[in-house]
N, C-alpha and C. Protein backbone atom coordinates (compact mmCIF):
# COMPACT_ATOMS: atom_id res chain seq x y z
N MET A 1 9.46 25.81 1.38
CA MET A 1 10.07 25.12 0.25
C MET A 1 9.50 23.71 0.09
N ALA A 2 9.39 22.97 1.21
CA ALA A 2 8.85 21.61 1.15
C ALA A 2 7.40 21.61 0.71
N ALA A 3 6.64 22.60 1.22
CA ALA A 3 5.23 22.69 0.83
C ALA A 3 5.11 22.98 -0.66
N LEU A 4 5.98 23.86 -1.20
CA LEU A 4 5.96 24.15 -2.62
C LEU A 4 6.31 22.93 -3.44
N LEU A 5 7.27 22.13 -2.94
CA LEU A 5 7.68 20.92 -3.65
C LEU A 5 6.53 19.93 -3.73
N VAL A 6 5.85 19.71 -2.59
CA VAL A 6 4.72 18.79 -2.59
C VAL A 6 3.63 19.28 -3.53
N GLY A 7 3.37 20.60 -3.50
CA GLY A 7 2.37 21.17 -4.38
C GLY A 7 2.71 20.96 -5.84
N ALA A 8 4.00 21.12 -6.17
CA ALA A 8 4.43 20.92 -7.56
C ALA A 8 4.25 19.48 -8.00
N VAL A 9 4.56 18.54 -7.11
CA VAL A 9 4.39 17.12 -7.43
C VAL A 9 2.93 16.81 -7.71
N LEU A 10 2.04 17.34 -6.84
CA LEU A 10 0.61 17.08 -7.01
C LEU A 10 0.09 17.70 -8.31
N LEU A 11 0.55 18.90 -8.63
CA LEU A 11 0.11 19.54 -9.86
C LEU A 11 0.60 18.78 -11.09
N SER A 12 1.83 18.29 -11.01
CA SER A 12 2.36 17.50 -12.13
C SER A 12 1.58 16.21 -12.30
N ALA A 13 1.26 15.58 -11.16
CA ALA A 13 0.51 14.32 -11.21
C ALA A 13 -0.87 14.53 -11.79
N SER A 14 -1.47 15.70 -11.49
CA SER A 14 -2.83 15.97 -11.97
C SER A 14 -2.90 16.08 -13.48
N SER A 15 -1.77 16.30 -14.13
CA SER A 15 -1.77 16.43 -15.58
C SER A 15 -1.57 15.10 -16.29
N LEU A 16 -1.35 14.00 -15.53
CA LEU A 16 -1.12 12.70 -16.14
C LEU A 16 -2.42 12.17 -16.70
N PRO A 17 -2.37 11.33 -17.73
CA PRO A 17 -3.58 10.73 -18.28
C PRO A 17 -4.21 9.77 -17.30
N ALA A 18 -5.49 9.49 -17.49
CA ALA A 18 -6.23 8.67 -16.53
C ALA A 18 -5.66 7.29 -16.39
N SER A 19 -5.04 6.76 -17.44
CA SER A 19 -4.53 5.40 -17.40
C SER A 19 -3.17 5.29 -16.73
N ALA A 20 -2.61 6.40 -16.27
CA ALA A 20 -1.24 6.39 -15.79
C ALA A 20 -1.08 5.66 -14.46
N HIS A 21 -2.21 5.39 -13.76
CA HIS A 21 -2.06 4.73 -12.47
C HIS A 21 -1.82 3.23 -12.62
N ARG A 22 -1.97 2.68 -13.82
CA ARG A 22 -1.68 1.27 -14.06
C ARG A 22 -0.45 1.19 -14.95
N THR A 23 0.62 0.60 -14.44
CA THR A 23 1.86 0.54 -15.20
C THR A 23 2.40 -0.88 -15.23
N SER A 24 3.05 -1.22 -16.32
CA SER A 24 3.64 -2.55 -16.45
C SER A 24 4.89 -2.65 -15.59
N THR A 25 5.09 -3.83 -14.99
CA THR A 25 6.29 -4.05 -14.18
C THR A 25 7.51 -4.26 -15.05
N GLY A 26 7.31 -4.40 -16.37
CA GLY A 26 8.43 -4.68 -17.26
C GLY A 26 8.73 -6.16 -17.36
N GLY A 27 7.98 -6.98 -16.59
CA GLY A 27 8.16 -8.41 -16.63
C GLY A 27 7.31 -9.02 -17.72
N PRO A 28 7.07 -10.33 -17.65
CA PRO A 28 6.26 -11.01 -18.67
C PRO A 28 4.84 -10.47 -18.67
N THR A 29 4.30 -10.34 -19.88
CA THR A 29 2.94 -9.82 -19.98
C THR A 29 1.92 -10.85 -19.53
N SER A 30 2.29 -12.12 -19.53
CA SER A 30 1.38 -13.17 -19.07
C SER A 30 1.65 -13.44 -17.59
N GLY A 31 1.32 -12.46 -16.76
CA GLY A 31 1.53 -12.60 -15.32
C GLY A 31 0.50 -13.52 -14.69
N ILE A 32 0.53 -13.60 -13.38
CA ILE A 32 -0.40 -14.44 -12.63
C ILE A 32 -1.65 -13.62 -12.33
N ALA A 33 -2.79 -14.14 -12.74
CA ALA A 33 -4.06 -13.46 -12.47
C ALA A 33 -4.40 -13.54 -10.99
N ILE A 34 -4.88 -12.43 -10.44
CA ILE A 34 -5.23 -12.36 -9.02
C ILE A 34 -6.67 -11.86 -8.90
N PRO A 35 -7.58 -12.69 -8.40
CA PRO A 35 -8.97 -12.24 -8.23
C PRO A 35 -9.04 -11.09 -7.23
N SER A 36 -9.97 -10.18 -7.47
CA SER A 36 -10.13 -9.06 -6.56
C SER A 36 -10.97 -9.46 -5.35
N LEU A 37 -11.04 -8.56 -4.40
CA LEU A 37 -11.85 -8.74 -3.19
C LEU A 37 -13.01 -7.75 -3.21
N THR A 38 -14.08 -8.09 -2.54
CA THR A 38 -15.11 -7.09 -2.32
C THR A 38 -14.58 -6.09 -1.30
N HIS A 39 -15.26 -4.97 -1.17
CA HIS A 39 -14.83 -3.94 -0.23
C HIS A 39 -14.81 -4.49 1.19
N GLY A 40 -15.83 -5.28 1.54
CA GLY A 40 -15.90 -5.85 2.88
C GLY A 40 -14.81 -6.88 3.13
N GLN A 41 -14.53 -7.71 2.13
CA GLN A 41 -13.47 -8.71 2.27
C GLN A 41 -12.12 -8.05 2.45
N MET A 42 -11.92 -6.94 1.74
CA MET A 42 -10.65 -6.23 1.83
C MET A 42 -10.37 -5.78 3.25
N ALA A 43 -11.39 -5.27 3.94
CA ALA A 43 -11.21 -4.81 5.31
C ALA A 43 -10.81 -5.95 6.24
N VAL A 44 -11.37 -7.14 6.01
CA VAL A 44 -11.03 -8.30 6.84
C VAL A 44 -9.61 -8.76 6.54
N ILE A 45 -9.25 -8.87 5.26
CA ILE A 45 -7.90 -9.31 4.89
C ILE A 45 -6.85 -8.34 5.42
N ALA A 46 -7.18 -7.05 5.48
CA ALA A 46 -6.24 -6.06 6.02
C ALA A 46 -5.89 -6.38 7.46
N ASP A 47 -6.86 -6.87 8.23
CA ASP A 47 -6.61 -7.22 9.63
C ASP A 47 -5.71 -8.44 9.76
N TYR A 48 -5.70 -9.28 8.73
CA TYR A 48 -4.94 -10.54 8.80
C TYR A 48 -3.67 -10.52 7.94
N ARG A 49 -3.40 -9.42 7.28
CA ARG A 49 -2.27 -9.40 6.34
C ARG A 49 -0.94 -9.75 7.02
N ASN A 50 -0.70 -9.20 8.18
CA ASN A 50 0.57 -9.49 8.87
C ASN A 50 0.70 -10.97 9.21
N ARG A 51 -0.41 -11.60 9.59
CA ARG A 51 -0.38 -13.04 9.90
C ARG A 51 -0.14 -13.85 8.64
N ILE A 52 -0.72 -13.42 7.52
CA ILE A 52 -0.50 -14.11 6.25
C ILE A 52 0.98 -14.03 5.87
N LEU A 53 1.56 -12.85 5.99
CA LEU A 53 2.97 -12.68 5.64
C LEU A 53 3.88 -13.44 6.60
N ASP A 54 3.47 -13.54 7.85
CA ASP A 54 4.27 -14.29 8.82
C ASP A 54 4.32 -15.78 8.46
N VAL A 55 3.16 -16.32 8.09
CA VAL A 55 3.12 -17.73 7.67
C VAL A 55 3.94 -17.91 6.40
N ALA A 56 3.83 -16.96 5.47
CA ALA A 56 4.58 -17.05 4.21
C ALA A 56 6.08 -17.00 4.47
N SER A 57 6.51 -16.21 5.44
CA SER A 57 7.95 -16.09 5.72
C SER A 57 8.53 -17.38 6.27
N ARG A 58 7.67 -18.24 6.81
CA ARG A 58 8.12 -19.53 7.37
C ARG A 58 7.98 -20.68 6.38
N GLN A 59 7.53 -20.36 5.16
CA GLN A 59 7.38 -21.38 4.13
C GLN A 59 8.75 -21.65 3.52
N GLN A 60 9.26 -22.86 3.71
CA GLN A 60 10.63 -23.17 3.28
C GLN A 60 10.71 -23.60 1.82
N ASN A 61 9.80 -24.44 1.39
CA ASN A 61 9.84 -24.93 0.01
C ASN A 61 8.93 -24.06 -0.85
N THR A 62 9.53 -23.06 -1.48
CA THR A 62 8.76 -22.12 -2.29
C THR A 62 8.96 -22.43 -3.78
N ASP A 63 8.13 -21.82 -4.60
CA ASP A 63 8.28 -21.96 -6.05
C ASP A 63 8.10 -20.59 -6.69
N LEU A 64 8.15 -20.54 -8.01
CA LEU A 64 8.11 -19.27 -8.72
C LEU A 64 6.77 -18.55 -8.49
N THR A 65 5.68 -19.28 -8.53
CA THR A 65 4.37 -18.65 -8.34
C THR A 65 4.27 -18.02 -6.95
N PHE A 66 4.71 -18.74 -5.95
CA PHE A 66 4.70 -18.22 -4.57
C PHE A 66 5.50 -16.93 -4.49
N ARG A 67 6.71 -16.96 -5.05
CA ARG A 67 7.59 -15.78 -4.94
C ARG A 67 7.04 -14.59 -5.72
N ARG A 68 6.40 -14.86 -6.87
CA ARG A 68 5.84 -13.75 -7.65
C ARG A 68 4.64 -13.12 -6.94
N LEU A 69 3.81 -13.94 -6.34
CA LEU A 69 2.67 -13.40 -5.58
C LEU A 69 3.16 -12.60 -4.38
N GLN A 70 4.15 -13.15 -3.68
CA GLN A 70 4.70 -12.47 -2.51
C GLN A 70 5.36 -11.15 -2.90
N ASN A 71 6.15 -11.17 -3.96
CA ASN A 71 6.85 -9.97 -4.41
C ASN A 71 5.87 -8.91 -4.90
N TYR A 72 4.87 -9.33 -5.65
CA TYR A 72 3.87 -8.39 -6.16
C TYR A 72 3.14 -7.70 -5.00
N GLY A 73 2.76 -8.47 -3.99
CA GLY A 73 2.08 -7.88 -2.83
C GLY A 73 2.96 -6.86 -2.13
N ASN A 74 4.24 -7.16 -1.99
CA ASN A 74 5.16 -6.23 -1.33
C ASN A 74 5.34 -4.95 -2.15
N ILE A 75 5.46 -5.10 -3.47
CA ILE A 75 5.61 -3.93 -4.34
C ILE A 75 4.37 -3.06 -4.27
N GLN A 76 3.20 -3.69 -4.36
CA GLN A 76 1.95 -2.93 -4.31
C GLN A 76 1.79 -2.20 -2.97
N TYR A 77 2.21 -2.84 -1.91
CA TYR A 77 2.10 -2.24 -0.58
C TYR A 77 2.94 -0.97 -0.50
N SER A 78 4.15 -1.01 -1.05
CA SER A 78 5.00 0.19 -1.04
C SER A 78 4.46 1.26 -1.97
N TYR A 79 3.94 0.85 -3.13
CA TYR A 79 3.34 1.82 -4.05
C TYR A 79 2.16 2.52 -3.39
N CYS A 80 1.47 1.82 -2.52
CA CYS A 80 0.29 2.37 -1.85
C CYS A 80 0.68 3.08 -0.54
N LEU A 81 1.97 3.43 -0.42
CA LEU A 81 2.50 4.15 0.75
C LEU A 81 2.20 3.42 2.04
N TRP A 82 2.34 2.09 1.99
CA TRP A 82 2.26 1.23 3.17
C TRP A 82 0.94 1.38 3.94
N GLY A 83 -0.11 1.76 3.23
CA GLY A 83 -1.43 1.87 3.85
C GLY A 83 -1.56 2.98 4.86
N LEU A 84 -0.66 3.97 4.79
CA LEU A 84 -0.62 5.02 5.81
C LEU A 84 -1.56 6.18 5.54
N VAL A 85 -2.02 6.33 4.29
CA VAL A 85 -2.88 7.46 3.96
C VAL A 85 -4.30 7.18 4.45
N PRO A 86 -4.89 8.04 5.26
CA PRO A 86 -6.24 7.81 5.79
C PRO A 86 -7.26 7.57 4.67
N GLY A 87 -8.14 6.60 4.90
CA GLY A 87 -9.19 6.31 3.93
C GLY A 87 -8.79 5.34 2.85
N SER A 88 -7.52 4.89 2.84
CA SER A 88 -7.05 4.01 1.77
C SER A 88 -7.89 2.73 1.66
N LEU A 89 -8.31 2.20 2.81
CA LEU A 89 -9.03 0.93 2.82
C LEU A 89 -10.53 1.09 2.67
N ARG A 90 -11.11 2.02 3.39
CA ARG A 90 -12.56 2.06 3.52
C ARG A 90 -13.25 3.09 2.65
N ASP A 91 -12.51 4.02 2.10
CA ASP A 91 -13.10 5.08 1.29
C ASP A 91 -12.83 4.78 -0.19
N GLU A 92 -13.86 4.37 -0.92
CA GLU A 92 -13.65 4.01 -2.32
C GLU A 92 -13.33 5.20 -3.20
N ASP A 93 -13.55 6.42 -2.69
CA ASP A 93 -13.17 7.61 -3.44
C ASP A 93 -11.71 7.99 -3.22
N SER A 94 -11.04 7.29 -2.31
CA SER A 94 -9.63 7.59 -2.05
C SER A 94 -8.78 7.24 -3.27
N PRO A 95 -7.83 8.10 -3.63
CA PRO A 95 -6.91 7.77 -4.72
C PRO A 95 -6.06 6.54 -4.44
N PHE A 96 -6.07 6.09 -3.17
CA PHE A 96 -5.26 4.94 -2.77
C PHE A 96 -6.09 3.67 -2.57
N ASN A 97 -7.38 3.73 -2.90
CA ASN A 97 -8.24 2.57 -2.67
C ASN A 97 -7.98 1.44 -3.65
N GLU A 98 -7.78 1.77 -4.92
CA GLU A 98 -7.55 0.73 -5.92
C GLU A 98 -6.25 -0.02 -5.65
N CYS A 99 -5.18 0.71 -5.32
CA CYS A 99 -3.92 0.02 -5.05
C CYS A 99 -4.00 -0.77 -3.74
N SER A 100 -4.87 -0.35 -2.82
CA SER A 100 -5.09 -1.14 -1.60
C SER A 100 -5.78 -2.45 -1.94
N HIS A 101 -6.75 -2.40 -2.86
CA HIS A 101 -7.37 -3.63 -3.34
C HIS A 101 -6.31 -4.56 -3.91
N ALA A 102 -5.35 -4.00 -4.63
CA ALA A 102 -4.34 -4.82 -5.30
C ALA A 102 -3.46 -5.56 -4.30
N TYR A 103 -2.91 -4.86 -3.30
CA TYR A 103 -1.97 -5.56 -2.40
C TYR A 103 -2.69 -6.50 -1.45
N LEU A 104 -3.94 -6.20 -1.12
CA LEU A 104 -4.69 -7.10 -0.25
C LEU A 104 -5.21 -8.31 -1.02
N SER A 105 -5.56 -8.11 -2.29
CA SER A 105 -5.94 -9.24 -3.14
C SER A 105 -4.74 -10.17 -3.32
N ALA A 106 -3.56 -9.59 -3.43
CA ALA A 106 -2.35 -10.41 -3.55
C ALA A 106 -2.10 -11.21 -2.28
N ALA A 107 -2.37 -10.61 -1.12
CA ALA A 107 -2.20 -11.32 0.15
C ALA A 107 -3.13 -12.51 0.23
N GLN A 108 -4.39 -12.32 -0.18
CA GLN A 108 -5.32 -13.44 -0.15
C GLN A 108 -4.92 -14.52 -1.15
N ALA A 109 -4.49 -14.11 -2.35
CA ALA A 109 -4.07 -15.08 -3.36
C ALA A 109 -2.87 -15.88 -2.86
N LEU A 110 -1.96 -15.22 -2.16
CA LEU A 110 -0.80 -15.91 -1.59
C LEU A 110 -1.24 -16.95 -0.56
N LEU A 111 -2.19 -16.57 0.28
CA LEU A 111 -2.69 -17.50 1.30
C LEU A 111 -3.38 -18.71 0.65
N VAL A 112 -4.21 -18.46 -0.34
CA VAL A 112 -4.91 -19.55 -1.04
C VAL A 112 -3.90 -20.47 -1.72
N TYR A 113 -2.84 -19.88 -2.30
CA TYR A 113 -1.83 -20.70 -2.96
C TYR A 113 -1.07 -21.56 -1.95
N MET A 114 -0.80 -21.02 -0.78
CA MET A 114 -0.07 -21.78 0.24
C MET A 114 -0.85 -23.01 0.69
N ARG A 115 -2.15 -22.98 0.51
CA ARG A 115 -2.97 -24.13 0.90
C ARG A 115 -2.62 -25.35 0.06
N LYS A 116 -2.08 -25.12 -1.14
CA LYS A 116 -1.74 -26.22 -2.05
C LYS A 116 -0.30 -26.69 -1.85
N MET A 117 0.47 -25.96 -1.04
CA MET A 117 1.89 -26.25 -0.89
C MET A 117 2.16 -27.13 0.32
N ASP A 118 3.31 -27.78 0.28
CA ASP A 118 3.76 -28.54 1.44
C ASP A 118 4.33 -27.58 2.48
N GLY A 119 4.15 -27.91 3.74
CA GLY A 119 4.68 -27.08 4.81
C GLY A 119 3.67 -26.04 5.26
N GLN A 120 3.65 -25.77 6.55
CA GLN A 120 2.79 -24.75 7.16
C GLN A 120 1.30 -25.01 6.95
N LYS A 121 0.93 -26.28 6.67
CA LYS A 121 -0.47 -26.57 6.37
C LYS A 121 -1.38 -26.26 7.55
N GLU A 122 -0.94 -26.62 8.76
CA GLU A 122 -1.78 -26.36 9.94
C GLU A 122 -1.97 -24.86 10.15
N GLY A 123 -0.88 -24.11 10.02
CA GLY A 123 -0.97 -22.66 10.20
C GLY A 123 -1.84 -22.01 9.13
N VAL A 124 -1.71 -22.47 7.90
CA VAL A 124 -2.50 -21.92 6.80
C VAL A 124 -3.98 -22.23 6.99
N ASP A 125 -4.29 -23.49 7.32
CA ASP A 125 -5.69 -23.88 7.50
C ASP A 125 -6.33 -23.13 8.68
N ALA A 126 -5.58 -22.96 9.76
CA ALA A 126 -6.10 -22.23 10.92
C ALA A 126 -6.37 -20.78 10.56
N LEU A 127 -5.47 -20.19 9.80
CA LEU A 127 -5.63 -18.80 9.40
C LEU A 127 -6.83 -18.62 8.48
N ILE A 128 -6.99 -19.52 7.52
CA ILE A 128 -8.14 -19.46 6.62
C ILE A 128 -9.44 -19.62 7.40
N SER A 129 -9.45 -20.50 8.38
CA SER A 129 -10.63 -20.71 9.21
C SER A 129 -11.01 -19.43 9.97
N ASP A 130 -10.00 -18.77 10.53
CA ASP A 130 -10.25 -17.51 11.26
C ASP A 130 -10.78 -16.43 10.32
N ILE A 131 -10.19 -16.34 9.13
CA ILE A 131 -10.63 -15.33 8.17
C ILE A 131 -12.06 -15.61 7.71
N ASP A 132 -12.35 -16.88 7.42
CA ASP A 132 -13.71 -17.25 7.00
C ASP A 132 -14.74 -16.86 8.06
N ALA A 133 -14.40 -17.10 9.33
CA ALA A 133 -15.32 -16.77 10.41
C ALA A 133 -15.56 -15.27 10.48
N ASP A 134 -14.50 -14.49 10.30
CA ASP A 134 -14.65 -13.03 10.32
C ASP A 134 -15.44 -12.54 9.10
N MET A 135 -15.24 -13.17 7.96
CA MET A 135 -15.98 -12.79 6.76
C MET A 135 -17.48 -12.96 6.99
N VAL A 136 -17.85 -14.10 7.58
CA VAL A 136 -19.27 -14.37 7.84
C VAL A 136 -19.81 -13.42 8.89
N ARG A 137 -19.03 -13.21 9.94
CA ARG A 137 -19.47 -12.35 11.04
C ARG A 137 -19.71 -10.92 10.58
N ASN A 138 -18.88 -10.47 9.64
CA ASN A 138 -18.98 -9.08 9.17
C ASN A 138 -19.74 -8.94 7.85
N HIS A 139 -20.35 -10.06 7.39
CA HIS A 139 -21.07 -10.03 6.11
C HIS A 139 -20.18 -9.40 5.03
N ALA A 140 -18.90 -9.75 5.06
CA ALA A 140 -17.91 -9.07 4.23
C ALA A 140 -18.15 -9.23 2.74
N SER A 141 -18.65 -10.39 2.33
CA SER A 141 -18.77 -10.64 0.89
C SER A 141 -19.86 -9.80 0.23
N PHE A 142 -20.71 -9.16 1.05
CA PHE A 142 -21.83 -8.41 0.48
C PHE A 142 -21.52 -6.92 0.29
N VAL A 143 -20.41 -6.45 0.82
CA VAL A 143 -20.08 -5.04 0.73
C VAL A 143 -19.24 -4.81 -0.52
N MET A 144 -19.79 -4.12 -1.49
CA MET A 144 -19.13 -3.94 -2.78
C MET A 144 -18.67 -2.49 -2.96
N CYS A 145 -17.75 -2.27 -3.89
CA CYS A 145 -17.34 -0.93 -4.28
C CYS A 145 -16.94 -0.96 -5.74
N GLN A 146 -16.49 0.16 -6.29
CA GLN A 146 -16.21 0.24 -7.72
C GLN A 146 -15.07 -0.66 -8.17
N PHE A 147 -14.19 -1.08 -7.23
CA PHE A 147 -13.05 -1.92 -7.60
C PHE A 147 -13.27 -3.39 -7.23
N SER A 148 -14.45 -3.73 -6.72
CA SER A 148 -14.69 -5.10 -6.25
C SER A 148 -14.63 -6.13 -7.36
N GLY A 149 -14.98 -5.75 -8.58
CA GLY A 149 -14.97 -6.70 -9.68
C GLY A 149 -13.70 -6.67 -10.51
N GLU A 150 -12.71 -5.89 -10.08
CA GLU A 150 -11.48 -5.72 -10.87
C GLU A 150 -10.48 -6.82 -10.56
N ALA A 151 -10.04 -7.52 -11.60
CA ALA A 151 -8.99 -8.53 -11.43
C ALA A 151 -7.63 -7.87 -11.60
N PHE A 152 -6.64 -8.38 -10.88
CA PHE A 152 -5.29 -7.84 -10.94
C PHE A 152 -4.35 -8.87 -11.55
N ASN A 153 -3.12 -8.47 -11.81
CA ASN A 153 -2.16 -9.34 -12.46
C ASN A 153 -0.77 -8.95 -12.01
N THR A 154 0.07 -9.95 -11.78
CA THR A 154 1.42 -9.66 -11.30
C THR A 154 2.27 -8.90 -12.33
N ALA A 155 1.79 -8.83 -13.58
CA ALA A 155 2.53 -8.08 -14.60
C ALA A 155 2.18 -6.60 -14.58
N ASP A 156 1.19 -6.21 -13.80
CA ASP A 156 0.76 -4.81 -13.74
C ASP A 156 0.80 -4.29 -12.31
N VAL A 157 1.48 -3.18 -12.12
CA VAL A 157 1.51 -2.51 -10.82
C VAL A 157 0.48 -1.39 -10.84
N ILE A 158 -0.32 -1.32 -9.78
CA ILE A 158 -1.34 -0.28 -9.67
C ILE A 158 -0.81 0.84 -8.79
N SER A 159 -0.63 2.01 -9.36
CA SER A 159 -0.19 3.17 -8.61
C SER A 159 -1.39 3.94 -8.08
N PRO A 160 -1.21 4.73 -7.04
CA PRO A 160 -2.31 5.61 -6.60
C PRO A 160 -2.71 6.56 -7.72
N ARG A 161 -3.94 7.05 -7.69
CA ARG A 161 -4.39 8.03 -8.68
C ARG A 161 -3.94 9.41 -8.20
N TRP A 162 -2.67 9.73 -8.49
CA TRP A 162 -2.07 10.94 -7.94
C TRP A 162 -2.82 12.21 -8.34
N ARG A 163 -3.36 12.23 -9.54
CA ARG A 163 -4.03 13.44 -10.00
C ARG A 163 -5.30 13.74 -9.20
N ASP A 164 -5.82 12.74 -8.49
CA ASP A 164 -7.04 12.94 -7.69
C ASP A 164 -6.74 13.37 -6.25
N VAL A 165 -5.48 13.32 -5.84
CA VAL A 165 -5.13 13.66 -4.46
C VAL A 165 -5.59 15.06 -4.07
N PRO A 166 -5.39 16.10 -4.93
CA PRO A 166 -5.82 17.45 -4.53
C PRO A 166 -7.32 17.58 -4.31
N PHE A 167 -8.10 16.61 -4.81
CA PHE A 167 -9.55 16.68 -4.70
C PHE A 167 -10.12 15.73 -3.64
N HIS A 168 -9.22 15.05 -2.91
CA HIS A 168 -9.64 14.14 -1.85
C HIS A 168 -9.10 14.67 -0.53
N ALA A 169 -9.99 15.23 0.28
CA ALA A 169 -9.57 15.98 1.46
C ALA A 169 -8.64 15.21 2.40
N PRO A 170 -8.95 13.96 2.80
CA PRO A 170 -8.04 13.25 3.72
C PRO A 170 -6.64 13.06 3.14
N SER A 171 -6.56 12.71 1.86
CA SER A 171 -5.24 12.52 1.23
C SER A 171 -4.49 13.84 1.15
N LEU A 172 -5.19 14.89 0.73
CA LEU A 172 -4.54 16.20 0.63
C LEU A 172 -4.05 16.67 1.99
N ALA A 173 -4.86 16.44 3.03
CA ALA A 173 -4.46 16.85 4.39
C ALA A 173 -3.22 16.09 4.84
N THR A 174 -3.14 14.81 4.46
CA THR A 174 -1.97 14.01 4.84
C THR A 174 -0.70 14.57 4.22
N PHE A 175 -0.74 14.90 2.93
CA PHE A 175 0.45 15.43 2.26
C PHE A 175 0.77 16.85 2.73
N ALA A 176 -0.26 17.61 3.05
CA ALA A 176 -0.02 18.95 3.59
C ALA A 176 0.68 18.86 4.94
N ALA A 177 0.24 17.92 5.78
CA ALA A 177 0.88 17.72 7.09
C ALA A 177 2.33 17.28 6.93
N LEU A 178 2.57 16.38 5.97
CA LEU A 178 3.95 15.94 5.72
C LEU A 178 4.82 17.10 5.25
N ALA A 179 4.24 17.98 4.42
CA ALA A 179 4.99 19.14 3.94
C ALA A 179 5.36 20.07 5.10
N ILE A 180 4.42 20.26 6.03
CA ILE A 180 4.68 21.13 7.18
C ILE A 180 5.78 20.52 8.06
N ILE A 181 5.68 19.22 8.30
CA ILE A 181 6.69 18.54 9.11
C ILE A 181 8.07 18.64 8.46
N ALA A 182 8.09 18.43 7.13
CA ALA A 182 9.37 18.53 6.41
C ALA A 182 9.94 19.94 6.48
N ALA A 183 9.07 20.96 6.37
CA ALA A 183 9.52 22.34 6.42
C ALA A 183 10.09 22.68 7.79
N VAL A 184 9.41 22.22 8.85
CA VAL A 184 9.89 22.47 10.21
C VAL A 184 11.24 21.78 10.44
N ALA A 185 11.34 20.52 9.97
CA ALA A 185 12.60 19.79 10.15
C ALA A 185 13.73 20.46 9.38
N LEU A 186 13.43 20.93 8.16
CA LEU A 186 14.45 21.59 7.35
C LEU A 186 14.91 22.89 8.00
N ARG A 187 13.97 23.63 8.55
CA ARG A 187 14.33 24.88 9.23
C ARG A 187 15.20 24.62 10.45
N ALA A 188 14.85 23.53 11.19
CA ALA A 188 15.64 23.19 12.37
C ALA A 188 17.06 22.81 11.98
N LEU A 189 17.20 22.05 10.88
CA LEU A 189 18.52 21.64 10.43
C LEU A 189 19.36 22.83 9.96
N ARG A 190 18.70 23.77 9.32
CA ARG A 190 19.42 24.94 8.83
C ARG A 190 19.78 25.89 9.96
N GLY A 191 18.97 25.92 10.99
CA GLY A 191 19.20 26.84 12.10
C GLY A 191 20.30 26.39 13.04
N ALA A 192 20.51 25.08 13.17
CA ALA A 192 21.49 24.58 14.13
C ALA A 192 22.91 25.04 13.83
N PRO A 193 23.41 24.95 12.60
CA PRO A 193 24.79 25.40 12.32
C PRO A 193 24.98 26.89 12.56
N ARG A 194 23.95 27.71 12.25
CA ARG A 194 24.08 29.14 12.47
C ARG A 194 24.24 29.45 13.94
N SER A 195 23.51 28.72 14.77
CA SER A 195 23.60 28.93 16.21
C SER A 195 25.00 28.62 16.70
N ASN A 196 25.58 27.51 16.16
CA ASN A 196 26.93 27.12 16.58
C ASN A 196 27.94 28.18 16.17
N ARG A 197 27.77 28.70 14.92
CA ARG A 197 28.72 29.70 14.46
C ARG A 197 28.61 31.00 15.26
N ARG A 198 27.39 31.36 15.67
CA ARG A 198 27.19 32.59 16.41
C ARG A 198 27.84 32.50 17.78
N ASN A 199 27.72 31.33 18.39
CA ASN A 199 28.32 31.17 19.73
C ASN A 199 29.85 31.18 19.62
N GLY A 200 30.37 30.44 18.62
CA GLY A 200 31.81 30.43 18.35
C GLY A 200 32.61 29.87 19.50
N PRO A 201 33.93 29.72 19.32
CA PRO A 201 34.79 29.20 20.38
C PRO A 201 34.96 30.24 21.49
N ALA A 202 35.22 29.76 22.66
CA ALA A 202 35.41 30.66 23.81
C ALA A 202 36.69 31.48 23.62
N THR A 203 36.63 32.78 23.94
CA THR A 203 37.80 33.67 23.83
C THR A 203 38.69 33.49 25.05
N PRO A 204 40.02 33.29 24.84
CA PRO A 204 40.92 33.11 25.98
C PRO A 204 40.90 34.36 26.89
N ALA A 205 41.03 34.15 28.20
CA ALA A 205 41.03 35.28 29.15
C ALA A 205 42.35 36.04 29.04
């Protein structure tokens, strides 16, 4: 049943128009522009995302721009299934690669914006220094992909390209595995009450 449900979702998604992976948040159309990252830069920012969010969580004096960048990054991260689908970061053919660009670009934009804010300046500068060193070491700025030149905006949420999932082996395998796990768990839950009823209460001697 779970496998059939996942299959139905994927088939329904495959019928959506190509533009369906970009949706408006319903907020102001003049959102905050967010520069994209190259493919190589994205891989480096992914390694530092938790540190960026940690510094952001300790920022006491925030403003609207800070909160919108932070919120957009969190929304994009959840839309991208928390980066759990294999190939999301490094495989540009992954249906989850564009939304990965979006949440990681938001993380970098948040870090750059914090450089202009009061508070956490030492932590922000140290983090930027570490990231810059890794960028140079990994020649990150030279690795490009189809989404490297795409700018993002806090008024637009980028969803995975669901219709492409059936044609991307790692993504399809991930959802197939989840369907199997769900089916096994459902069978276990259904089987437990029957076992209890079969055993029944002990008969008095």
